[in-house]
Amino acid sequence: MFVKRPQSVMGHRIAEPRPTLMAVWLAFLYVGLPLLVLTGLLDLGMQVFFGVCTGLWCLS
């Protein structure tokens, strides 16, 4: 739909932005880790209050 022309500075083409390993790591820290902790606490609460184990640790 929208085709961007490659940008250049003084005749040199600028590389397109791309995700880096640091960006993936930060996304995991800010999004993935809190979700893992929250769902783990919810599973633990279910086990304590209802006596039903729904977490992954029930498989072992």
C-alpha atoms as a PDB file:
ATOM      1  CA  MET A   1       0.000   0.000   0.000  1.00  0.00           C
ATOM      2  CA  PHE A   2       2.552   2.565   1.120  1.00  0.00           C
ATOM      3  CA  VAL A   3       5.907   1.990  -0.513  1.00  0.00           C
ATOM      4  CA  LYS A   4       8.687   3.845   1.225  1.00  0.00           C
ATOM      5  CA  ARG A   5      11.646   4.801  -0.846  1.00  0.00           C
ATOM      6  CA  PRO A   6      15.014   3.932   0.664  1.00  0.00           C
ATOM      7  CA  GLN A   7      16.400   6.911   2.538  1.00  0.00           C
ATOM      8  CA  SER A   8      19.885   8.102   1.826  1.00  0.00           C
ATOM      9  CA  VAL A   9      22.273  10.516   3.454  1.00  0.00           C
ATOM     10  CA  MET A  10      24.986  11.999   1.284  1.00  0.00           C
ATOM     11  CA  GLY A  11      24.488   9.194  -1.236  1.00  0.00           C
ATOM     12  CA  HIS A  12      24.682   6.347   1.312  1.00  0.00           C
ATOM     13  CA  ARG A  13      21.624   4.188   1.810  1.00  0.00           C
ATOM     14  CA  ILE A  14      20.404   3.965   5.424  1.00  0.00           C
ATOM     15  CA  ALA A  15      19.708   0.445   6.674  1.00  0.00           C
ATOM     16  CA  GLU A  16      16.106  -0.384   7.538  1.00  0.00           C
ATOM     17  CA  PRO A  17      15.333  -0.742  11.256  1.00  0.00           C
ATOM     18  CA  ARG A  18      15.086  -4.335  12.434  1.00  0.00           C
ATOM     19  CA  PRO A  19      14.415  -6.088  15.736  1.00  0.00           C
ATOM     20  CA  THR A  20      17.546  -6.869  17.690  1.00  0.00           C
ATOM     21  CA  LEU A  21      18.266  -9.438  20.363  1.00  0.00           C
ATOM     22  CA  MET A  22      18.159  -6.685  22.987  1.00  0.00           C
ATOM     23  CA  ALA A  23      14.681  -5.618  21.806  1.00  0.00           C
ATOM     24  CA  VAL A  24      13.426  -9.205  22.090  1.00  0.00           C
ATOM     25  CA  TRP A  25      14.943  -9.504  25.582  1.00  0.00           C
ATOM     26  CA  LEU A  26      13.340  -6.229  26.743  1.00  0.00           C
ATOM     27  CA  ALA A  27       9.965  -7.236  25.321  1.00  0.00           C
ATOM     28  CA  PHE A  28      10.198 -10.486  27.290  1.00  0.00           C
ATOM     29  CA  LEU A  29      11.126  -8.619  30.478  1.00  0.00           C
ATOM     30  CA  TYR A  30       8.342  -6.037  30.204  1.00  0.00           C
ATOM     31  CA  VAL A  31       5.573  -8.243  28.795  1.00  0.00           C
ATOM     32  CA  GLY A  32       6.394 -11.936  29.068  1.00  0.00           C
ATOM     33  CA  LEU A  33       7.819 -12.133  32.568  1.00  0.00           C
ATOM     34  CA  PRO A  34       4.964 -10.249  34.308  1.00  0.00           C
ATOM     35  CA  LEU A  35       2.430 -12.444  32.476  1.00  0.00           C
ATOM     36  CA  LEU A  36       4.240 -15.592  33.577  1.00  0.00           C
ATOM     37  CA  VAL A  37       4.301 -14.412  37.187  1.00  0.00           C
ATOM     38  CA  LEU A  38       0.640 -13.351  37.122  1.00  0.00           C
ATOM     39  CA  THR A  39      -0.599 -16.617  35.644  1.00  0.00           C
ATOM     40  CA  GLY A  40       1.587 -18.586  38.053  1.00  0.00           C
ATOM     41  CA  LEU A  41       0.041 -16.757  40.990  1.00  0.00           C
ATOM     42  CA  LEU A  42      -3.457 -17.368  39.602  1.00  0.00           C
ATOM     43  CA  ASP A  43      -2.703 -21.091  39.279  1.00  0.00           C
ATOM     44  CA  LEU A  44      -1.367 -21.163  42.827  1.00  0.00           C
ATOM     45  CA  GLY A  45      -4.478 -19.377  44.091  1.00  0.00           C
ATOM     46  CA  MET A  46      -6.722 -21.894  42.329  1.00  0.00           C
ATOM     47  CA  GLN A  47      -4.824 -24.737  43.954  1.00  0.00           C
ATOM     48  CA  VAL A  48      -4.953 -23.212  47.434  1.00  0.00           C
ATOM     49  CA  PHE A  49      -8.617 -22.121  47.406  1.00  0.00           C
ATOM     50  CA  PHE A  50     -10.285 -24.859  45.358  1.00  0.00           C
ATOM     51  CA  GLY A  51      -7.886 -27.776  45.749  1.00  0.00           C
ATOM     52  CA  VAL A  52      -7.679 -28.205  41.966  1.00  0.00           C
ATOM     53  CA  CYS A  53      -4.226 -28.107  40.437  1.00  0.00           C
ATOM     54  CA  THR A  54      -4.324 -26.434  37.029  1.00  0.00           C
ATOM     55  CA  GLY A  55      -0.679 -25.422  36.642  1.00  0.00           C
ATOM     56  CA  LEU A  56       2.114 -27.003  34.666  1.00  0.00           C
ATOM     57  CA  TRP A  57       3.748 -28.324  37.840  1.00  0.00           C
ATOM     58  CA  CYS A  58       0.820 -30.750  38.254  1.00  0.00           C
ATOM     59  CA  LEU A  59       2.154 -32.860  35.403  1.00  0.00           C
ATOM     60  CA  SER A  60       5.212 -33.986  37.346  1.00  0.00           C
END
